Protein backbone atom coordinates (compact mmCIF):
# COMPACT_ATOMS: atom_id res chain seq x y z
CA MET A 1 -5.73 9.52 1.02
CA THR A 2 -9.28 10.33 0.04
CA PHE A 3 -12.13 7.85 0.18
CA GLU A 4 -15.11 8.83 -1.98
CA GLY A 5 -18.54 7.29 -1.66
CA THR A 6 -22.16 7.93 -2.52
CA ASP A 7 -22.69 9.94 0.68
CA GLY A 8 -19.56 12.12 0.50
CA TRP A 9 -15.81 11.85 1.05
CA ILE A 10 -13.31 11.40 3.87
CA TRP A 11 -9.70 12.57 3.64
CA VAL A 12 -7.07 11.20 6.03
CA ALA A 13 -3.37 11.84 6.54
CA ARG A 14 -1.08 11.10 9.45
CA GLY A 15 -2.91 12.60 12.42
CA ARG A 16 -5.42 14.59 10.32
CA ILE A 17 -8.89 13.92 9.00
CA ASP A 18 -11.58 15.87 7.15
CA ALA A 19 -14.88 14.99 5.52
CA GLU A 20 -17.77 16.33 3.51
CA PRO A 21 -20.37 16.33 4.89
CA LYS A 22 -18.80 16.90 8.32
CA SER A 23 -21.40 14.58 9.85
CA LEU A 24 -19.40 11.63 8.45
CA LEU A 25 -16.79 12.35 11.12
CA ASP A 26 -19.38 11.54 13.81
CA SER A 27 -20.37 8.20 12.28
CA VAL A 28 -20.09 5.18 14.56
CA ILE A 29 -18.97 1.86 13.10
CA GLY A 30 -21.45 -0.80 14.16
CA PRO A 31 -20.47 -4.11 15.77
CA GLU A 32 -21.24 -6.05 12.57
CA GLU A 33 -19.24 -3.68 10.33
CA THR A 34 -15.54 -3.94 9.47
CA HIS A 35 -13.24 -2.53 12.17
CA LEU A 36 -9.68 -1.75 11.16
CA TYR A 37 -6.64 -2.72 13.21
CA LYS A 38 -5.28 0.37 14.98
CA SER A 39 -1.58 1.05 15.49
CA GLU A 40 0.01 4.30 16.65
CA ASN A 41 3.52 2.98 15.99
CA HIS A 42 4.24 0.56 13.12
CA PHE A 43 7.73 -0.22 14.42
CA ARG A 44 6.41 -1.19 17.87
CA ASN A 45 3.56 -3.12 16.23
CA PHE A 46 6.06 -5.09 14.15
CA ILE A 47 8.16 -6.03 17.19
CA ASP A 48 5.03 -6.95 19.19
CA CYS A 49 3.85 -9.17 16.33
CA VAL A 50 7.22 -10.90 16.02
CA ILE A 51 6.89 -11.80 19.70
CA SER A 52 3.17 -12.71 19.64
CA ARG A 53 3.10 -14.18 16.10
CA LYS A 54 -0.04 -12.12 15.40
CA GLU A 55 -0.65 -10.42 12.05
CA PRO A 56 0.77 -6.84 12.02
CA VAL A 57 -1.25 -3.77 11.11
CA ALA A 58 0.60 -3.71 7.77
CA PRO A 59 1.12 -7.32 6.60
CA CYS A 60 3.97 -7.75 4.10
CA GLU A 61 1.73 -8.74 1.18
CA ILE A 62 -0.59 -5.76 1.67
CA ALA A 63 2.32 -3.36 2.10
CA HIS A 64 3.96 -4.79 -1.04
CA ARG A 65 0.78 -4.41 -3.11
CA SER A 66 0.15 -0.92 -1.72
CA ILE A 67 3.58 0.45 -2.66
CA SER A 68 3.63 -1.28 -6.06
CA ILE A 69 1.37 1.42 -7.55
CA ALA A 70 3.81 4.15 -6.45
CA HIS A 71 6.78 2.29 -7.95
CA LEU A 72 4.85 1.76 -11.19
CA GLY A 73 3.92 5.45 -11.29
CA ASN A 74 7.58 6.40 -10.95
CA ILE A 75 8.59 3.97 -13.70
CA ALA A 76 5.84 5.32 -15.99
CA MET A 77 7.10 8.87 -15.44
CA ARG A 78 10.69 7.85 -16.19
CA VAL A 79 9.84 6.02 -19.42
CA GLY A 80 7.23 8.62 -20.38
CA ARG A 81 4.40 6.24 -21.24
CA ASP A 82 1.49 4.27 -19.83
CA LEU A 83 2.22 0.81 -18.46
CA LYS A 84 0.21 -2.40 -18.39
CA TRP A 85 0.81 -4.32 -15.15
CA ASP A 86 0.27 -8.02 -14.63
CA PRO A 87 -0.23 -8.46 -10.85
CA VAL A 88 0.08 -12.25 -11.10
CA THR A 89 3.54 -12.29 -12.70
CA GLU A 90 4.44 -8.86 -11.28
CA GLN A 91 5.76 -7.80 -14.66
CA ILE A 92 5.02 -4.89 -16.97
CA ILE A 93 3.43 -6.30 -20.10
CA GLY A 94 5.33 -5.80 -23.36
CA ASP A 95 7.89 -3.28 -22.08
CA ASP A 96 11.39 -4.65 -21.48
CA THR A 97 12.81 -1.20 -20.68
CA ALA A 98 10.25 -0.60 -17.94
CA ASN A 99 10.61 -4.16 -16.61
CA LYS A 100 14.33 -3.59 -16.08
CA MET A 101 13.39 -0.81 -13.65
CA LEU A 102 11.50 -3.21 -11.37
CA SER A 103 14.73 -4.28 -9.67
CA ARG A 104 18.43 -3.62 -9.67
CA PRO A 105 21.49 -5.86 -9.68
CA TYR A 106 22.46 -7.31 -6.30
CA ARG A 107 25.90 -6.67 -4.84
CA ALA A 108 27.97 -9.76 -4.15
CA PRO A 109 27.59 -11.91 -2.17
CA TRP A 110 23.84 -11.17 -2.01
CA LYS A 111 21.38 -12.94 -4.30
CA LEU A 112 17.69 -13.69 -4.45
CA GLU A 113 16.68 -17.32 -4.55
CA VAL A 114 13.14 -18.24 -5.56
């Protein structure tokens, strides 16, 4: 993932980081600035949070919203057109074919109740 700002960019991947200018890598986050939750192992973090009832490093809602863009990109490639997404209803606007790709039929006896 690349974060771009007015002073340069930072690129991060699992266990790797780069930046331009390189001095950004030496920046120290101040006590009043946002500090991110750190987890070296999401599976362990999940189990620890089940036990402690604390919020995990990747809360379900954030994980869901983060992966939605990838799913929508895949659907757009399959249907070969741009999509308009309504994040409130979680539906693709005006495209029944694409909307059908948002889920698949459940196998008995499983069902989703809302």
